[in-house]
Amino acid sequence: MLDIGKYEPVAMLSLSGDERERLGERAGALAESFAKVGEIETDGVTPLISVLNLHTVLREDTAEKQLTRDEIMSNAPEQYDGYFQVPGTLE
């Protein structure tokens, strides 16, 4: 059983004695499960990033022509002081 009392303030919990005991038993069982996983010999095993056999293909990073603010704002139906003007959403 895991002592849950020291974690209560951190988790902002207020547990009764029975709740603390039940949670301690469950957390203890979970901690034992993780301990078993930690005992597995993994030396020489390549880490698996994904179970899917996917390869990310990245494009070459090339410089492209950028639009100027004036070019972008020329398409704006409404603008104010160099920014897009949109209808208000809050009243």
C-alpha atoms as a PDB file:
ATOM      1  CA  MET A   1       0.000   0.000   0.000  1.00  0.00           C
ATOM      2  CA  LEU A   2       1.249   3.467  -0.905  1.00  0.00           C
ATOM      3  CA  ASP A   3       1.071   6.311   1.644  1.00  0.00           C
ATOM      4  CA  ILE A   4      -1.325   8.731  -0.069  1.00  0.00           C
ATOM      5  CA  GLY A   5      -1.318  11.217   2.815  1.00  0.00           C
ATOM      6  CA  LYS A   6       1.800  13.005   1.603  1.00  0.00           C
ATOM      7  CA  TYR A   7       0.263  13.502  -1.878  1.00  0.00           C
ATOM      8  CA  GLU A   8      -3.078  14.893  -0.695  1.00  0.00           C
ATOM      9  CA  PRO A   9      -1.960  18.538  -0.328  1.00  0.00           C
ATOM     10  CA  VAL A  10      -0.194  18.474  -3.697  1.00  0.00           C
ATOM     11  CA  ALA A  11      -3.288  17.068  -5.438  1.00  0.00           C
ATOM     12  CA  MET A  12      -5.510  19.396  -3.369  1.00  0.00           C
ATOM     13  CA  LEU A  13      -7.515  16.444  -2.042  1.00  0.00           C
ATOM     14  CA  SER A  14      -9.287  15.994   1.244  1.00  0.00           C
ATOM     15  CA  LEU A  15      -9.837  12.267   1.776  1.00  0.00           C
ATOM     16  CA  SER A  16     -11.446  10.342   4.596  1.00  0.00           C
ATOM     17  CA  GLY A  17      -9.503   7.506   6.225  1.00  0.00           C
ATOM     18  CA  ASP A  18     -11.335   4.846   4.185  1.00  0.00           C
ATOM     19  CA  GLU A  19     -10.802   6.742   0.917  1.00  0.00           C
ATOM     20  CA  ARG A  20      -7.121   7.239   1.723  1.00  0.00           C
ATOM     21  CA  GLU A  21      -6.722   3.504   2.407  1.00  0.00           C
ATOM     22  CA  ARG A  22      -8.544   2.386  -0.780  1.00  0.00           C
ATOM     23  CA  LEU A  23      -6.637   4.865  -2.927  1.00  0.00           C
ATOM     24  CA  GLY A  24      -3.374   3.816  -1.277  1.00  0.00           C
ATOM     25  CA  GLU A  25      -4.041   0.167  -2.143  1.00  0.00           C
ATOM     26  CA  ARG A  26      -4.858   0.995  -5.765  1.00  0.00           C
ATOM     27  CA  ALA A  27      -1.861   3.310  -6.149  1.00  0.00           C
ATOM     28  CA  GLY A  28       0.378   0.677  -4.564  1.00  0.00           C
ATOM     29  CA  ALA A  29      -0.824  -1.966  -7.041  1.00  0.00           C
ATOM     30  CA  LEU A  30      -0.181   0.453  -9.898  1.00  0.00           C
ATOM     31  CA  ALA A  31       3.313   1.241  -8.604  1.00  0.00           C
ATOM     32  CA  GLU A  32       4.061  -2.511  -8.407  1.00  0.00           C
ATOM     33  CA  SER A  33       2.949  -2.913 -12.046  1.00  0.00           C
ATOM     34  CA  PHE A  34       5.295  -0.143 -13.142  1.00  0.00           C
ATOM     35  CA  ALA A  35       8.111  -1.690 -11.119  1.00  0.00           C
ATOM     36  CA  LYS A  36       7.642  -4.967 -13.037  1.00  0.00           C
ATOM     37  CA  VAL A  37       7.894  -3.098 -16.336  1.00  0.00           C
ATOM     38  CA  GLY A  38      11.100  -1.469 -15.101  1.00  0.00           C
ATOM     39  CA  GLU A  39      12.658  -4.912 -14.534  1.00  0.00           C
ATOM     40  CA  ILE A  40      12.420  -5.854 -18.222  1.00  0.00           C
ATOM     41  CA  GLU A  41      15.823  -6.168 -19.899  1.00  0.00           C
ATOM     42  CA  THR A  42      15.956  -3.643 -22.747  1.00  0.00           C
ATOM     43  CA  ASP A  43      19.689  -3.449 -23.497  1.00  0.00           C
ATOM     44  CA  GLY A  44      20.243  -3.643 -27.244  1.00  0.00           C
ATOM     45  CA  VAL A  45      16.581  -3.063 -28.081  1.00  0.00           C
ATOM     46  CA  THR A  46      15.953  -0.232 -30.530  1.00  0.00           C
ATOM     47  CA  PRO A  47      13.374   2.216 -29.137  1.00  0.00           C
ATOM     48  CA  LEU A  48      10.057   2.128 -30.988  1.00  0.00           C
ATOM     49  CA  ILE A  49       8.794   5.604 -31.797  1.00  0.00           C
ATOM     50  CA  SER A  50       5.582   4.515 -33.512  1.00  0.00           C
ATOM     51  CA  VAL A  51       3.832   1.222 -34.189  1.00  0.00           C
ATOM     52  CA  LEU A  52       3.036   2.473 -37.686  1.00  0.00           C
ATOM     53  CA  ASN A  53       5.537   1.979 -40.464  1.00  0.00           C
ATOM     54  CA  LEU A  54       5.497   5.594 -41.588  1.00  0.00           C
ATOM     55  CA  HIS A  55       8.376   7.702 -42.791  1.00  0.00           C
ATOM     56  CA  THR A  56       8.170  11.463 -42.702  1.00  0.00           C
ATOM     57  CA  VAL A  57       9.277  12.980 -45.963  1.00  0.00           C
ATOM     58  CA  LEU A  58      10.335  16.568 -45.531  1.00  0.00           C
ATOM     59  CA  ARG A  59      10.624  18.973 -48.393  1.00  0.00           C
ATOM     60  CA  GLU A  60      13.681  21.064 -48.993  1.00  0.00           C
ATOM     61  CA  ASP A  61      13.539  24.344 -47.079  1.00  0.00           C
ATOM     62  CA  THR A  62      13.684  26.958 -49.801  1.00  0.00           C
ATOM     63  CA  ALA A  63      13.132  30.690 -49.695  1.00  0.00           C
ATOM     64  CA  GLU A  64      10.001  31.893 -51.456  1.00  0.00           C
ATOM     65  CA  LYS A  65       8.601  35.309 -52.299  1.00  0.00           C
ATOM     66  CA  GLN A  66       6.787  36.796 -49.346  1.00  0.00           C
ATOM     67  CA  LEU A  67       3.813  39.115 -49.650  1.00  0.00           C
ATOM     68  CA  THR A  68       4.123  42.629 -48.325  1.00  0.00           C
ATOM     69  CA  ARG A  69       1.615  44.049 -45.865  1.00  0.00           C
ATOM     70  CA  ASP A  70       0.191  46.287 -48.607  1.00  0.00           C
ATOM     71  CA  GLU A  71      -0.341  43.280 -50.902  1.00  0.00           C
ATOM     72  CA  ILE A  72      -2.111  41.364 -48.152  1.00  0.00           C
ATOM     73  CA  MET A  73      -4.235  44.299 -47.043  1.00  0.00           C
ATOM     74  CA  SER A  74      -5.307  45.011 -50.637  1.00  0.00           C
ATOM     75  CA  ASN A  75      -7.546  41.911 -50.354  1.00  0.00           C
ATOM     76  CA  ALA A  76      -9.125  42.933 -47.040  1.00  0.00           C
ATOM     77  CA  PRO A  77     -12.778  43.945 -47.363  1.00  0.00           C
ATOM     78  CA  GLU A  78     -12.349  46.283 -44.394  1.00  0.00           C
ATOM     79  CA  GLN A  79      -9.228  47.496 -42.623  1.00  0.00           C
ATOM     80  CA  TYR A  80      -8.296  49.920 -39.901  1.00  0.00           C
ATOM     81  CA  ASP A  81      -4.838  51.305 -39.199  1.00  0.00           C
ATOM     82  CA  GLY A  82      -3.103  48.544 -41.201  1.00  0.00           C
ATOM     83  CA  TYR A  83      -5.067  45.654 -39.641  1.00  0.00           C
ATOM     84  CA  PHE A  84      -8.022  43.550 -40.783  1.00  0.00           C
ATOM     85  CA  GLN A  85     -11.256  44.924 -39.383  1.00  0.00           C
ATOM     86  CA  VAL A  86     -13.809  42.291 -38.438  1.00  0.00           C
ATOM     87  CA  PRO A  87     -17.205  42.463 -36.736  1.00  0.00           C
ATOM     88  CA  GLY A  88     -17.085  42.522 -32.953  1.00  0.00           C
ATOM     89  CA  THR A  89     -17.814  39.243 -31.174  1.00  0.00           C
ATOM     90  CA  LEU A  90     -18.461  40.576 -27.672  1.00  0.00           C
ATOM     91  CA  GLU A  91     -20.922  43.180 -26.600  1.00  0.00           C
END
